[in-house]
């Protein structure tokens, strides 16, 4: 409940409203003001409530987690997260090796320049089974046997693909521009419509306010006219009554 100050001060010797707290002679109150000492965090007091020291618990937990001296040397530097099972590690390593084995080491198509003499030598070496063994990698032999005439159509196809991709990019760029212009036009139209609506509302409000002011003025004039007419009637009635009274006398 809130403290009633006037009631509390009257108990301490205050005479009431209209009198100073010093008293009439300036000697102060009869009794000193006693502030109640509370032993908790809700009031004034020297002793504090030490029931729940949450900050001390946090500091203690942080200190226990620290590794000092010999215990710090035992740490191997591994992450503190949960360790993975050996089966999952083995599966990941197997998948990585299978992926790397699919790549073949060699040159890119179009960078090889082989003369006809070298091709003849390679063909003779391949056809002679007595001198050397057949090549193990058939893919390398096919790449060595191909000539510039065979690569020409592939270059043309690459150029066509490049042109097609460039045309697609330009068309998409134009389409994006068209969509942006369309959105901008729609936003401008919407903004114009909103501005027009606001202006119309303001004009209607102004007209309505003018009409209301005019009606108020007319009402005031009518009320004044009615008052004047009532006053004139009252005066006429009073005059007629005075005449009648004089005639009777």
Foldseek 3Di string as FASTA:
>chain_A
DDDDVQVVLVVQADPGPPADQCGDVSVGTPHDDDDDADQEPPDDHDHYDPPDPPVVVVVVVVVVPDQDDPRVVVDPPDDPDDDDDPVVVVVVVVVVVVVVVVDDDDDDPPPDADDPVVLVVVVVVQPDPPPDHHDPDVVVVVSNNDHPVVCVVVVVVVVVVVVVVVVVVVVVVVVVVVVVVVVVVVVVVVVVVVVVVVVVVVVVVVVVVVVVVVVVVVVVVVVVVVVVVVVVVVVVVVVVVVVVVVVVD
